Amino acid sequence: MKAVTEQEPISMDSLRQMAMERFGDMVKAVVDIARGIMVIDADLHADEEAELLATGSRQQDLWGINLYPELLPEDWLEFDSMINLRPSSGNRSRNVDDPSIREQIRNMIDRFVLR
């Protein structure tokens, strides 16, 4: 696993390499929208979530995403993870239901990934 921030971004080439080595076309990631950090490159979103929780993140700030580095910019970010399923918090799907949270995540990815 690797932590990514605005101060320590990741290149698209590195994402492509991670994708090839693990799933072939995708990199799993969990973002903490409050702390401005993302953990990437694990088999499960739950592993990345556990890493962030262990370092001070709050559950309600964590969202699982998938990055497909070979797709076009408008298609490469997917908001799909079991950790997003939180009916008691109003998120009733594996997606990120709140448009404002999706936008926060997009903005973070734009700052964290060097294109």
PDB file of N, CA and C in Angstrom:
ATOM      1  N   MET A   1       0.839  -1.183   0.000  1.00  0.00           N
ATOM      2  CA  MET A   1       0.000   0.000   0.000  1.00  0.00           C
ATOM      3  C   MET A   1       0.881   1.243   0.000  1.00  0.00           C
ATOM      4  N   LYS A   2       0.315   2.288  -0.551  1.00  0.00           N
ATOM      5  CA  LYS A   2       1.047   3.548  -0.669  1.00  0.00           C
ATOM      6  C   LYS A   2       0.111   4.700  -0.335  1.00  0.00           C
ATOM      7  N   ALA A   3       0.603   5.634   0.457  1.00  0.00           N
ATOM      8  CA  ALA A   3      -0.151   6.854   0.762  1.00  0.00           C
ATOM      9  C   ALA A   3       0.170   7.903  -0.292  1.00  0.00           C
ATOM     10  N   VAL A   4      -0.867   8.621  -0.722  1.00  0.00           N
ATOM     11  CA  VAL A   4      -0.719   9.666  -1.730  1.00  0.00           C
ATOM     12  C   VAL A   4      -1.392  10.928  -1.186  1.00  0.00           C
ATOM     13  N   THR A   5      -0.711  12.057  -1.342  1.00  0.00           N
ATOM     14  CA  THR A   5      -1.259  13.347  -0.928  1.00  0.00           C
ATOM     15  C   THR A   5      -0.930  14.380  -2.001  1.00  0.00           C
ATOM     16  N   GLU A   6      -1.413  15.579  -1.798  1.00  0.00           N
ATOM     17  CA  GLU A   6      -1.080  16.656  -2.729  1.00  0.00           C
ATOM     18  C   GLU A   6       0.429  16.942  -2.688  1.00  0.00           C
ATOM     19  N   GLN A   7       1.037  16.806  -1.505  1.00  0.00           N
ATOM     20  CA  GLN A   7       2.471  17.037  -1.367  1.00  0.00           C
ATOM     21  C   GLN A   7       3.291  15.861  -1.898  1.00  0.00           C
ATOM     22  N   GLU A   8       2.694  14.664  -1.907  1.00  0.00           N
ATOM     23  CA  GLU A   8       3.363  13.472  -2.425  1.00  0.00           C
ATOM     24  C   GLU A   8       2.441  12.793  -3.436  1.00  0.00           C
ATOM     25  N   PRO A   9       2.302  13.409  -4.622  1.00  0.00           N
ATOM     26  CA  PRO A   9       1.393  12.874  -5.637  1.00  0.00           C
ATOM     27  C   PRO A   9       1.956  11.624  -6.309  1.00  0.00           C
ATOM     28  N   ILE A  10       1.166  11.045  -7.183  1.00  0.00           N
ATOM     29  CA  ILE A  10       1.578   9.859  -7.929  1.00  0.00           C
ATOM     30  C   ILE A  10       1.401  10.133  -9.415  1.00  0.00           C
ATOM     31  N   SER A  11       2.253   9.548 -10.211  1.00  0.00           N
ATOM     32  CA  SER A  11       2.168   9.745 -11.658  1.00  0.00           C
ATOM     33  C   SER A  11       1.226   8.719 -12.276  1.00  0.00           C
ATOM     34  N   MET A  12       0.735   9.030 -13.449  1.00  0.00           N
ATOM     35  CA  MET A  12      -0.095   8.085 -14.199  1.00  0.00           C
ATOM     36  C   MET A  12       0.708   6.841 -14.548  1.00  0.00           C
ATOM     37  N   ASP A  13       1.991   7.011 -14.854  1.00  0.00           N
ATOM     38  CA  ASP A  13       2.828   5.851 -15.169  1.00  0.00           C
ATOM     39  C   ASP A  13       2.906   4.899 -13.976  1.00  0.00           C
ATOM     40  N   SER A  14       3.039   5.443 -12.772  1.00  0.00           N
ATOM     41  CA  SER A  14       3.064   4.598 -11.575  1.00  0.00           C
ATOM     42  C   SER A  14       1.734   3.889 -11.376  1.00  0.00           C
ATOM     43  N   LEU A  15       0.629   4.601 -11.616  1.00  0.00           N
ATOM     44  CA  LEU A  15      -0.692   3.974 -11.510  1.00  0.00           C
ATOM     45  C   LEU A  15      -0.855   2.851 -12.530  1.00  0.00           C
ATOM     46  N   ARG A  16      -0.399   3.085 -13.740  1.00  0.00           N
ATOM     47  CA  ARG A  16      -0.473   2.047 -14.780  1.00  0.00           C
ATOM     48  C   ARG A  16       0.308   0.800 -14.355  1.00  0.00           C
ATOM     49  N   GLN A  17       1.494   1.011 -13.806  1.00  0.00           N
ATOM     50  CA  GLN A  17       2.318  -0.106 -13.362  1.00  0.00           C
ATOM     51  C   GLN A  17       1.619  -0.870 -12.231  1.00  0.00           C
ATOM     52  N   MET A  18       1.058  -0.154 -11.266  1.00  0.00           N
ATOM     53  CA  MET A  18       0.327  -0.798 -10.166  1.00  0.00           C
ATOM     54  C   MET A  18      -0.851  -1.609 -10.698  1.00  0.00           C
ATOM     55  N   ALA A  19      -1.574  -1.024 -11.633  1.00  0.00           N
ATOM     56  CA  ALA A  19      -2.729  -1.715 -12.211  1.00  0.00           C
ATOM     57  C   ALA A  19      -2.295  -3.014 -12.878  1.00  0.00           C
ATOM     58  N   MET A  20      -1.250  -2.950 -13.674  1.00  0.00           N
ATOM     59  CA  MET A  20      -0.766  -4.140 -14.382  1.00  0.00           C
ATOM     60  C   MET A  20      -0.333  -5.226 -13.406  1.00  0.00           C
ATOM     61  N   GLU A  21       0.297  -4.838 -12.315  1.00  0.00           N
ATOM     62  CA  GLU A  21       0.833  -5.811 -11.366  1.00  0.00           C
ATOM     63  C   GLU A  21      -0.234  -6.466 -10.496  1.00  0.00           C
ATOM     64  N   ARG A  22      -1.374  -5.816 -10.307  1.00  0.00           N
ATOM     65  CA  ARG A  22      -2.358  -6.369  -9.380  1.00  0.00           C
ATOM     66  C   ARG A  22      -3.626  -6.851 -10.080  1.00  0.00           C
ATOM     67  N   PHE A  23      -4.373  -5.975 -10.725  1.00  0.00           N
ATOM     68  CA  PHE A  23      -5.663  -6.336 -11.326  1.00  0.00           C
ATOM     69  C   PHE A  23      -5.672  -6.280 -12.841  1.00  0.00           C
ATOM     70  N   GLY A  24      -4.624  -5.744 -13.433  1.00  0.00           N
ATOM     71  CA  GLY A  24      -4.545  -5.660 -14.882  1.00  0.00           C
ATOM     72  C   GLY A  24      -4.952  -4.320 -15.444  1.00  0.00           C
ATOM     73  N   ASP A  25      -6.042  -3.754 -14.940  1.00  0.00           N
ATOM     74  CA  ASP A  25      -6.538  -2.485 -15.502  1.00  0.00           C
ATOM     75  C   ASP A  25      -6.976  -1.477 -14.451  1.00  0.00           C
ATOM     76  N   MET A  26      -6.916  -1.835 -13.170  1.00  0.00           N
ATOM     77  CA  MET A  26      -7.510  -1.012 -12.128  1.00  0.00           C
ATOM     78  C   MET A  26      -6.615  -0.953 -10.897  1.00  0.00           C
ATOM     79  N   VAL A  27      -6.730   0.168 -10.170  1.00  0.00           N
ATOM     80  CA  VAL A  27      -6.089   0.330  -8.872  1.00  0.00           C
ATOM     81  C   VAL A  27      -7.187   0.706  -7.881  1.00  0.00           C
ATOM     82  N   LYS A  28      -7.270  -0.034  -6.781  1.00  0.00           N
ATOM     83  CA  LYS A  28      -8.225   0.300  -5.720  1.00  0.00           C
ATOM     84  C   LYS A  28      -7.620   1.380  -4.837  1.00  0.00           C
ATOM     85  N   ALA A  29      -8.475   2.263  -4.341  1.00  0.00           N
ATOM     86  CA  ALA A  29      -8.022   3.343  -3.470  1.00  0.00           C
ATOM     87  C   ALA A  29      -9.108   3.683  -2.460  1.00  0.00           C
ATOM     88  N   VAL A  30      -8.678   4.216  -1.325  1.00  0.00           N
ATOM     89  CA  VAL A  30      -9.592   4.778  -0.340  1.00  0.00           C
ATOM     90  C   VAL A  30      -9.105   6.187  -0.050  1.00  0.00           C
ATOM     91  N   VAL A  31     -10.033   7.141  -0.115  1.00  0.00           N
ATOM     92  CA  VAL A  31      -9.693   8.537   0.152  1.00  0.00           C
ATOM     93  C   VAL A  31     -10.309   8.984   1.470  1.00  0.00           C
ATOM     94  N   ASP A  32      -9.566   9.818   2.177  1.00  0.00           N
ATOM     95  CA  ASP A  32     -10.061  10.472   3.384  1.00  0.00           C
ATOM     96  C   ASP A  32     -10.286  11.923   3.001  1.00  0.00           C
ATOM     97  N   ILE A  33     -11.541  12.305   2.858  1.00  0.00           N
ATOM     98  CA  ILE A  33     -11.851  13.645   2.366  1.00  0.00           C
ATOM     99  C   ILE A  33     -11.582  14.723   3.414  1.00  0.00           C
ATOM    100  N   ALA A  34     -11.471  14.355   4.687  1.00  0.00           N
ATOM    101  CA  ALA A  34     -11.175  15.337   5.725  1.00  0.00           C
ATOM    102  C   ALA A  34      -9.678  15.578   5.863  1.00  0.00           C
ATOM    103  N   ARG A  35      -8.891  14.521   5.815  1.00  0.00           N
ATOM    104  CA  ARG A  35      -7.442  14.635   6.013  1.00  0.00           C
ATOM    105  C   ARG A  35      -6.687  14.904   4.727  1.00  0.00           C
ATOM    106  N   GLY A  36      -7.318  14.717   3.575  1.00  0.00           N
ATOM    107  CA  GLY A  36      -6.635  14.954   2.306  1.00  0.00           C
ATOM    108  C   GLY A  36      -5.554  13.941   2.026  1.00  0.00           C
ATOM    109  N   ILE A  37      -5.896  12.666   2.196  1.00  0.00           N
ATOM    110  CA  ILE A  37      -4.950  11.587   1.948  1.00  0.00           C
ATOM    111  C   ILE A  37      -5.675  10.445   1.241  1.00  0.00           C
ATOM    112  N   MET A  38      -4.916   9.701   0.448  1.00  0.00           N
ATOM    113  CA  MET A  38      -5.459   8.548  -0.257  1.00  0.00           C
ATOM    114  C   MET A  38      -4.469   7.402  -0.087  1.00  0.00           C
ATOM    115  N   VAL A  39      -4.991   6.205   0.156  1.00  0.00           N
ATOM    116  CA  VAL A  39      -4.162   5.004   0.204  1.00  0.00           C
ATOM    117  C   VAL A  39      -4.547   4.158  -1.002  1.00  0.00           C
ATOM    118  N   ILE A  40      -3.528   3.678  -1.717  1.00  0.00           N
ATOM    119  CA  ILE A  40      -3.762   2.921  -2.954  1.00  0.00           C
ATOM    120  C   ILE A  40      -2.980   1.619  -2.946  1.00  0.00           C
ATOM    121  N   ASP A  41      -3.349   0.758  -3.893  1.00  0.00           N
ATOM    122  CA  ASP A  41      -2.600  -0.448  -4.222  1.00  0.00           C
ATOM    123  C   ASP A  41      -2.702  -1.536  -3.159  1.00  0.00           C
ATOM    124  N   ALA A  42      -3.915  -2.022  -2.937  1.00  0.00           N
ATOM    125  CA  ALA A  42      -4.150  -3.178  -2.073  1.00  0.00           C
ATOM    126  C   ALA A  42      -5.180  -4.069  -2.761  1.00  0.00           C
ATOM    127  N   ASP A  43      -5.275  -5.302  -2.297  1.00  0.00           N
ATOM    128  CA  ASP A  43      -6.260  -6.224  -2.864  1.00  0.00           C
ATOM    129  C   ASP A  43      -7.687  -5.826  -2.514  1.00  0.00           C
ATOM    130  N   LEU A  44      -7.874  -5.246  -1.331  1.00  0.00           N
ATOM    131  CA  LEU A  44      -9.212  -4.897  -0.853  1.00  0.00           C
ATOM    132  C   LEU A  44      -9.271  -3.449  -0.382  1.00  0.00           C
ATOM    133  N   HIS A  45     -10.395  -2.798  -0.660  1.00  0.00           N
ATOM    134  CA  HIS A  45     -10.619  -1.469  -0.097  1.00  0.00           C
ATOM    135  C   HIS A  45     -10.578  -1.534   1.429  1.00  0.00           C
ATOM    136  N   ALA A  46     -11.054  -2.633   1.995  1.00  0.00           N
ATOM    137  CA  ALA A  46     -11.086  -2.775   3.449  1.00  0.00           C
ATOM    138  C   ALA A  46      -9.682  -2.708   4.058  1.00  0.00           C
ATOM    139  N   ASP A  47      -8.675  -3.211   3.350  1.00  0.00           N
ATOM    140  CA  ASP A  47      -7.300  -3.118   3.846  1.00  0.00           C
ATOM    141  C   ASP A  47      -6.826  -1.669   3.873  1.00  0.00           C
ATOM    142  N   GLU A  48      -7.150  -0.931   2.832  1.00  0.00           N
ATOM    143  CA  GLU A  48      -6.774   0.488   2.768  1.00  0.00           C
ATOM    144  C   GLU A  48      -7.537   1.281   3.827  1.00  0.00           C
ATOM    145  N   GLU A  49      -8.806   0.956   3.994  1.00  0.00           N
ATOM    146  CA  GLU A  49      -9.623   1.599   5.022  1.00  0.00           C
ATOM    147  C   GLU A  49      -9.012   1.359   6.409  1.00  0.00           C
ATOM    148  N   ALA A  50      -8.619   0.126   6.701  1.00  0.00           N
ATOM    149  CA  ALA A  50      -8.025  -0.210   7.998  1.00  0.00           C
ATOM    150  C   ALA A  50      -6.734   0.575   8.227  1.00  0.00           C
ATOM    151  N   GLU A  51      -5.936   0.720   7.189  1.00  0.00           N
ATOM    152  CA  GLU A  51      -4.693   1.497   7.294  1.00  0.00           C
ATOM    153  C   GLU A  51      -4.986   2.942   7.678  1.00  0.00           C
ATOM    154  N   LEU A  52      -5.967   3.539   7.022  1.00  0.00           N
ATOM    155  CA  LEU A  52      -6.309   4.933   7.328  1.00  0.00           C
ATOM    156  C   LEU A  52      -6.920   5.071   8.724  1.00  0.00           C
ATOM    157  N   LEU A  53      -7.772   4.144   9.115  1.00  0.00           N
ATOM    158  CA  LEU A  53      -8.351   4.192  10.459  1.00  0.00           C
ATOM    159  C   LEU A  53      -7.269   4.077  11.530  1.00  0.00           C
ATOM    160  N   ALA A  54      -6.269   3.253  11.261  1.00  0.00           N
ATOM    161  CA  ALA A  54      -5.173   3.064  12.211  1.00  0.00           C
ATOM    162  C   ALA A  54      -4.297   4.308  12.353  1.00  0.00           C
ATOM    163  N   THR A  55      -4.354   5.187  11.362  1.00  0.00           N
ATOM    164  CA  THR A  55      -3.523   6.396  11.409  1.00  0.00           C
ATOM    165  C   THR A  55      -4.336   7.652  11.707  1.00  0.00           C
ATOM    166  N   GLY A  56      -5.567   7.482  12.203  1.00  0.00           N
ATOM    167  CA  GLY A  56      -6.323   8.631  12.683  1.00  0.00           C
ATOM    168  C   GLY A  56      -7.513   9.083  11.864  1.00  0.00           C
ATOM    169  N   SER A  57      -7.834   8.395  10.803  1.00  0.00           N
ATOM    170  CA  SER A  57      -9.002   8.779   9.998  1.00  0.00           C
ATOM    171  C   SER A  57     -10.293   8.377  10.708  1.00  0.00           C
ATOM    172  N   ARG A  58     -11.371   9.053  10.344  1.00  0.00           N
ATOM    173  CA  ARG A  58     -12.711   8.731  10.852  1.00  0.00           C
ATOM    174  C   ARG A  58     -13.485   8.016   9.750  1.00  0.00           C
ATOM    175  N   GLN A  59     -14.230   7.004  10.135  1.00  0.00           N
ATOM    176  CA  GLN A  59     -14.979   6.185   9.185  1.00  0.00           C
ATOM    177  C   GLN A  59     -15.830   7.023   8.232  1.00  0.00           C
ATOM    178  N   GLN A  60     -16.509   8.028   8.747  1.00  0.00           N
ATOM    179  CA  GLN A  60     -17.428   8.809   7.911  1.00  0.00           C
ATOM    180  C   GLN A  60     -16.717   9.625   6.832  1.00  0.00           C
ATOM    181  N   ASP A  61     -15.397   9.747   6.930  1.00  0.00           N
ATOM    182  CA  ASP A  61     -14.629  10.514   5.945  1.00  0.00           C
ATOM    183  C   ASP A  61     -13.998   9.646   4.862  1.00  0.00           C
ATOM    184  N   LEU A  62     -14.155   8.321   4.962  1.00  0.00           N
ATOM    185  CA  LEU A  62     -13.479   7.401   4.055  1.00  0.00           C
ATOM    186  C   LEU A  62     -14.411   6.893   2.967  1.00  0.00           C
ATOM    187  N   TRP A  63     -13.886   6.895   1.741  1.00  0.00           N
ATOM    188  CA  TRP A  63     -14.668   6.455   0.577  1.00  0.00           C
ATOM    189  C   TRP A  63     -13.802   5.619  -0.341  1.00  0.00           C
ATOM    190  N   GLY A  64     -14.341   4.498  -0.783  1.00  0.00           N
ATOM    191  CA  GLY A  64     -13.622   3.609  -1.682  1.00  0.00           C
ATOM    192  C   GLY A  64     -13.891   3.948  -3.135  1.00  0.00           C
ATOM    193  N   ILE A  65     -12.823   3.935  -3.925  1.00  0.00           N
ATOM    194  CA  ILE A  65     -12.918   4.230  -5.358  1.00  0.00           C
ATOM    195  C   ILE A  65     -12.027   3.266  -6.123  1.00  0.00           C
ATOM    196  N   ASN A  66     -12.184   3.266  -7.429  1.00  0.00           N
ATOM    197  CA  ASN A  66     -11.308   2.511  -8.327  1.00  0.00           C
ATOM    198  C   ASN A  66     -10.816   3.463  -9.408  1.00  0.00           C
ATOM    199  N   LEU A  67      -9.554   3.325  -9.762  1.00  0.00           N
ATOM    200  CA  LEU A  67      -8.949   4.141 -10.804  1.00  0.00           C
ATOM    201  C   LEU A  67      -8.543   3.241 -11.962  1.00  0.00           C
ATOM    202  N   TYR A  68      -8.947   3.622 -13.167  1.00  0.00           N
ATOM    203  CA  TYR A  68      -8.624   2.883 -14.380  1.00  0.00           C
ATOM    204  C   TYR A  68      -7.716   3.770 -15.238  1.00  0.00           C
ATOM    205  N   PRO A  69      -6.390   3.681 -15.059  1.00  0.00           N
ATOM    206  CA  PRO A  69      -5.469   4.623 -15.701  1.00  0.00           C
ATOM    207  C   PRO A  69      -5.476   4.622 -17.222  1.00  0.00           C
ATOM    208  N   GLU A  70      -5.966   3.590 -17.855  1.00  0.00           N
ATOM    209  CA  GLU A  70      -5.977   3.548 -19.320  1.00  0.00           C
ATOM    210  C   GLU A  70      -7.231   4.186 -19.929  1.00  0.00           C
ATOM    211  N   LEU A  71      -8.209   4.516 -19.110  1.00  0.00           N
ATOM    212  CA  LEU A  71      -9.442   5.118 -19.631  1.00  0.00           C
ATOM    213  C   LEU A  71      -9.300   6.633 -19.756  1.00  0.00           C
ATOM    214  N   LEU A  72     -10.210   7.231 -20.501  1.00  0.00           N
ATOM    215  CA  LEU A  72     -10.241   8.687 -20.658  1.00  0.00           C
ATOM    216  C   LEU A  72     -10.521   9.356 -19.313  1.00  0.00           C
ATOM    217  N   PRO A  73     -10.069  10.598 -19.132  1.00  0.00           N
ATOM    218  CA  PRO A  73     -10.241  11.284 -17.855  1.00  0.00           C
ATOM    219  C   PRO A  73     -11.687  11.312 -17.337  1.00  0.00           C
ATOM    220  N   GLU A  74     -12.644  11.411 -18.215  1.00  0.00           N
ATOM    221  CA  GLU A  74     -14.038  11.471 -17.759  1.00  0.00           C
ATOM    222  C   GLU A  74     -14.588  10.105 -17.344  1.00  0.00           C
ATOM    223  N   ASP A  75     -13.850   9.031 -17.648  1.00  0.00           N
ATOM    224  CA  ASP A  75     -14.324   7.676 -17.349  1.00  0.00           C
ATOM    225  C   ASP A  75     -13.457   6.903 -16.352  1.00  0.00           C
ATOM    226  N   TRP A  76     -12.313   7.425 -15.983  1.00  0.00           N
ATOM    227  CA  TRP A  76     -11.333   6.613 -15.281  1.00  0.00           C
ATOM    228  C   TRP A  76     -11.569   6.471 -13.776  1.00  0.00           C
ATOM    229  N   LEU A  77     -12.449   7.271 -13.185  1.00  0.00           N
ATOM    230  CA  LEU A  77     -12.735   7.230 -11.756  1.00  0.00           C
ATOM    231  C   LEU A  77     -14.081   6.550 -11.523  1.00  0.00           C
ATOM    232  N   GLU A  78     -14.077   5.501 -10.702  1.00  0.00           N
ATOM    233  CA  GLU A  78     -15.299   4.750 -10.402  1.00  0.00           C
ATOM    234  C   GLU A  78     -15.541   4.793  -8.895  1.00  0.00           C
ATOM    235  N   PHE A  79     -16.757   5.151  -8.514  1.00  0.00           N
ATOM    236  CA  PHE A  79     -17.128   5.244  -7.102  1.00  0.00           C
ATOM    237  C   PHE A  79     -17.835   3.957  -6.680  1.00  0.00           C
ATOM    238  N   ASP A  80     -17.114   2.869  -6.567  1.00  0.00           N
ATOM    239  CA  ASP A  80     -17.733   1.583  -6.262  1.00  0.00           C
ATOM    240  C   ASP A  80     -16.896   0.811  -5.254  1.00  0.00           C
ATOM    241  N   SER A  81     -17.456   0.593  -4.074  1.00  0.00           N
ATOM    242  CA  SER A  81     -16.770  -0.184  -3.049  1.00  0.00           C
ATOM    243  C   SER A  81     -17.761  -0.609  -1.979  1.00  0.00           C
ATOM    244  N   MET A  82     -17.539  -1.782  -1.430  1.00  0.00           N
ATOM    245  CA  MET A  82     -18.371  -2.256  -0.322  1.00  0.00           C
ATOM    246  C   MET A  82     -18.253  -1.336   0.892  1.00  0.00           C
ATOM    247  N   ILE A  83     -17.113  -0.682   1.093  1.00  0.00           N
ATOM    248  CA  ILE A  83     -16.982   0.179   2.276  1.00  0.00           C
ATOM    249  C   ILE A  83     -17.875   1.412   2.180  1.00  0.00           C
ATOM    250  N   ASN A  84     -18.371   1.720   0.984  1.00  0.00           N
ATOM    251  CA  ASN A  84     -19.263   2.872   0.819  1.00  0.00           C
ATOM    252  C   ASN A  84     -20.691   2.569   1.262  1.00  0.00           C
ATOM    253  N   LEU A  85     -21.026   1.313   1.415  1.00  0.00           N
ATOM    254  CA  LEU A  85     -22.367   0.895   1.789  1.00  0.00           C
ATOM    255  C   LEU A  85     -22.571   1.174   3.273  1.00  0.00           C
ATOM    256  N   ARG A  86     -23.292   2.279   3.566  1.00  0.00           N
ATOM    257  CA  ARG A  86     -23.517   2.719   4.948  1.00  0.00           C
ATOM    258  C   ARG A  86     -24.940   3.252   5.093  1.00  0.00           C
ATOM    259  N   PRO A  87     -25.917   2.379   5.104  1.00  0.00           N
ATOM    260  CA  PRO A  87     -27.309   2.837   5.191  1.00  0.00           C
ATOM    261  C   PRO A  87     -27.580   3.727   6.406  1.00  0.00           C
ATOM    262  N   SER A  88     -26.941   3.443   7.537  1.00  0.00           N
ATOM    263  CA  SER A  88     -27.185   4.254   8.736  1.00  0.00           C
ATOM    264  C   SER A  88     -26.680   5.681   8.576  1.00  0.00           C
ATOM    265  N   SER A  89     -25.773   5.908   7.625  1.00  0.00           N
ATOM    266  CA  SER A  89     -25.256   7.249   7.348  1.00  0.00           C
ATOM    267  C   SER A  89     -25.879   7.858   6.102  1.00  0.00           C
ATOM    268  N   GLY A  90     -26.863   7.168   5.519  1.00  0.00           N
ATOM    269  CA  GLY A  90     -27.553   7.709   4.355  1.00  0.00           C
ATOM    270  C   GLY A  90     -26.984   7.277   3.015  1.00  0.00           C
ATOM    271  N   ASN A  91     -25.909   6.505   3.010  1.00  0.00           N
ATOM    272  CA  ASN A  91     -25.355   6.019   1.739  1.00  0.00           C
ATOM    273  C   ASN A  91     -25.808   4.570   1.566  1.00  0.00           C
ATOM    274  N   ARG A  92     -26.807   4.382   0.725  1.00  0.00           N
ATOM    275  CA  ARG A  92     -27.476   3.084   0.621  1.00  0.00           C
ATOM    276  C   ARG A  92     -26.977   2.212  -0.533  1.00  0.00           C
ATOM    277  N   SER A  93     -25.846   2.570  -1.109  1.00  0.00           N
ATOM    278  CA  SER A  93     -25.319   1.779  -2.218  1.00  0.00           C
ATOM    279  C   SER A  93     -23.799   1.666  -2.090  1.00  0.00           C
ATOM    280  N   ARG A  94     -23.210   0.884  -2.981  1.00  0.00           N
ATOM    281  CA  ARG A  94     -21.753   0.772  -3.042  1.00  0.00           C
ATOM    282  C   ARG A  94     -21.143   2.009  -3.684  1.00  0.00           C
ATOM    283  N   ASN A  95     -21.975   2.840  -4.257  1.00  0.00           N
ATOM    284  CA  ASN A  95     -21.554   4.075  -4.904  1.00  0.00           C
ATOM    285  C   ASN A  95     -21.373   5.149  -3.831  1.00  0.00           C
ATOM    286  N   VAL A  96     -20.954   6.336  -4.228  1.00  0.00           N
ATOM    287  CA  VAL A  96     -20.956   7.507  -3.357  1.00  0.00           C
ATOM    288  C   VAL A  96     -22.171   8.311  -3.781  1.00  0.00           C
ATOM    289  N   ASP A  97     -23.227   8.256  -2.979  1.00  0.00           N
ATOM    290  CA  ASP A  97     -24.507   8.819  -3.381  1.00  0.00           C
ATOM    291  C   ASP A  97     -24.545  10.347  -3.363  1.00  0.00           C
ATOM    292  N   ASP A  98     -23.808  10.973  -2.485  1.00  0.00           N
ATOM    293  CA  ASP A  98     -23.843  12.431  -2.328  1.00  0.00           C
ATOM    294  C   ASP A  98     -22.991  13.103  -3.411  1.00  0.00           C
ATOM    295  N   PRO A  99     -23.618  13.909  -4.288  1.00  0.00           N
ATOM    296  CA  PRO A  99     -22.862  14.572  -5.365  1.00  0.00           C
ATOM    297  C   PRO A  99     -21.736  15.474  -4.853  1.00  0.00           C
ATOM    298  N   SER A 100     -21.912  16.103  -3.703  1.00  0.00           N
ATOM    299  CA  SER A 100     -20.862  16.995  -3.196  1.00  0.00           C
ATOM    300  C   SER A 100     -19.640  16.189  -2.730  1.00  0.00           C
ATOM    301  N   ILE A 101     -19.854  15.005  -2.186  1.00  0.00           N
ATOM    302  CA  ILE A 101     -18.728  14.159  -1.795  1.00  0.00           C
ATOM    303  C   ILE A 101     -18.017  13.627  -3.038  1.00  0.00           C
ATOM    304  N   ARG A 102     -18.783  13.232  -4.052  1.00  0.00           N
ATOM    305  CA  ARG A 102     -18.156  12.797  -5.306  1.00  0.00           C
ATOM    306  C   ARG A 102     -17.278  13.906  -5.875  1.00  0.00           C
ATOM    307  N   GLU A 103     -17.752  15.142  -5.823  1.00  0.00           N
ATOM    308  CA  GLU A 103     -16.977  16.275  -6.340  1.00  0.00           C
ATOM    309  C   GLU A 103     -15.710  16.489  -5.517  1.00  0.00           C
ATOM    310  N   GLN A 104     -15.802  16.359  -4.194  1.00  0.00           N
ATOM    311  CA  GLN A 104     -14.613  16.483  -3.341  1.00  0.00           C
ATOM    312  C   GLN A 104     -13.575  15.421  -3.720  1.00  0.00           C
ATOM    313  N   ILE A 105     -14.043  14.203  -3.950  1.00  0.00           N
ATOM    314  CA  ILE A 105     -13.138  13.120  -4.334  1.00  0.00           C
ATOM    315  C   ILE A 105     -12.499  13.410  -5.683  1.00  0.00           C
ATOM    316  N   ARG A 106     -13.287  13.852  -6.658  1.00  0.00           N
ATOM    317  CA  ARG A 106     -12.727  14.202  -7.978  1.00  0.00           C
ATOM    318  C   ARG A 106     -11.639  15.260  -7.847  1.00  0.00           C
ATOM    319  N   ASN A 107     -11.909  16.287  -7.040  1.00  0.00           N
ATOM    320  CA  ASN A 107     -10.926  17.358  -6.845  1.00  0.00           C
ATOM    321  C   ASN A 107      -9.642  16.831  -6.208  1.00  0.00           C
ATOM    322  N   MET A 108      -9.786  15.932  -5.246  1.00  0.00           N
ATOM    323  CA  MET A 108      -8.600  15.343  -4.621  1.00  0.00           C
ATOM    324  C   MET A 108      -7.791  14.564  -5.651  1.00  0.00           C
ATOM    325  N   ILE A 109      -8.459  13.755  -6.438  1.00  0.00           N
ATOM    326  CA  ILE A 109      -7.762  12.937  -7.440  1.00  0.00           C
ATOM    327  C   ILE A 109      -7.054  13.833  -8.450  1.00  0.00           C
ATOM    328  N   ASP A 110      -7.688  14.915  -8.846  1.00  0.00           N
ATOM    329  CA  ASP A 110      -7.056  15.848  -9.781  1.00  0.00           C
ATOM    330  C   ASP A 110      -5.768  16.438  -9.200  1.00  0.00           C
ATOM    331  N   ARG A 111      -5.731  16.646  -7.887  1.00  0.00           N
ATOM    332  CA  ARG A 111      -4.533  17.200  -7.257  1.00  0.00           C
ATOM    333  C   ARG A 111      -3.489  16.125  -6.934  1.00  0.00           C
ATOM    334  N   PHE A 112      -3.920  14.893  -6.718  1.00  0.00           N
ATOM    335  CA  PHE A 112      -3.020  13.823  -6.265  1.00  0.00           C
ATOM    336  C   PHE A 112      -2.364  13.055  -7.406  1.00  0.00           C
ATOM    337  N   VAL A 113      -2.975  13.087  -8.587  1.00  0.00           N
ATOM    338  CA  VAL A 113      -2.456  12.302  -9.713  1.00  0.00           C
ATOM    339  C   VAL A 113      -1.891  13.234 -10.774  1.00  0.00           C
ATOM    340  N   LEU A 114      -0.621  13.056 -11.071  1.00  0.00           N
ATOM    341  CA  LEU A 114       0.046  13.870 -12.081  1.00  0.00           C
ATOM    342  C   LEU A 114      -0.209  13.285 -13.449  1.00  0.00           C
ATOM    343  N   ARG A 115      -0.878  14.041 -14.287  1.00  0.00           N
ATOM    344  CA  ARG A 115      -1.212  13.571 -15.640  1.00  0.00           C
ATOM    345  C   ARG A 115      -0.192  14.061 -16.628  1.00  0.00           C
TER     346      ARG A 115
END
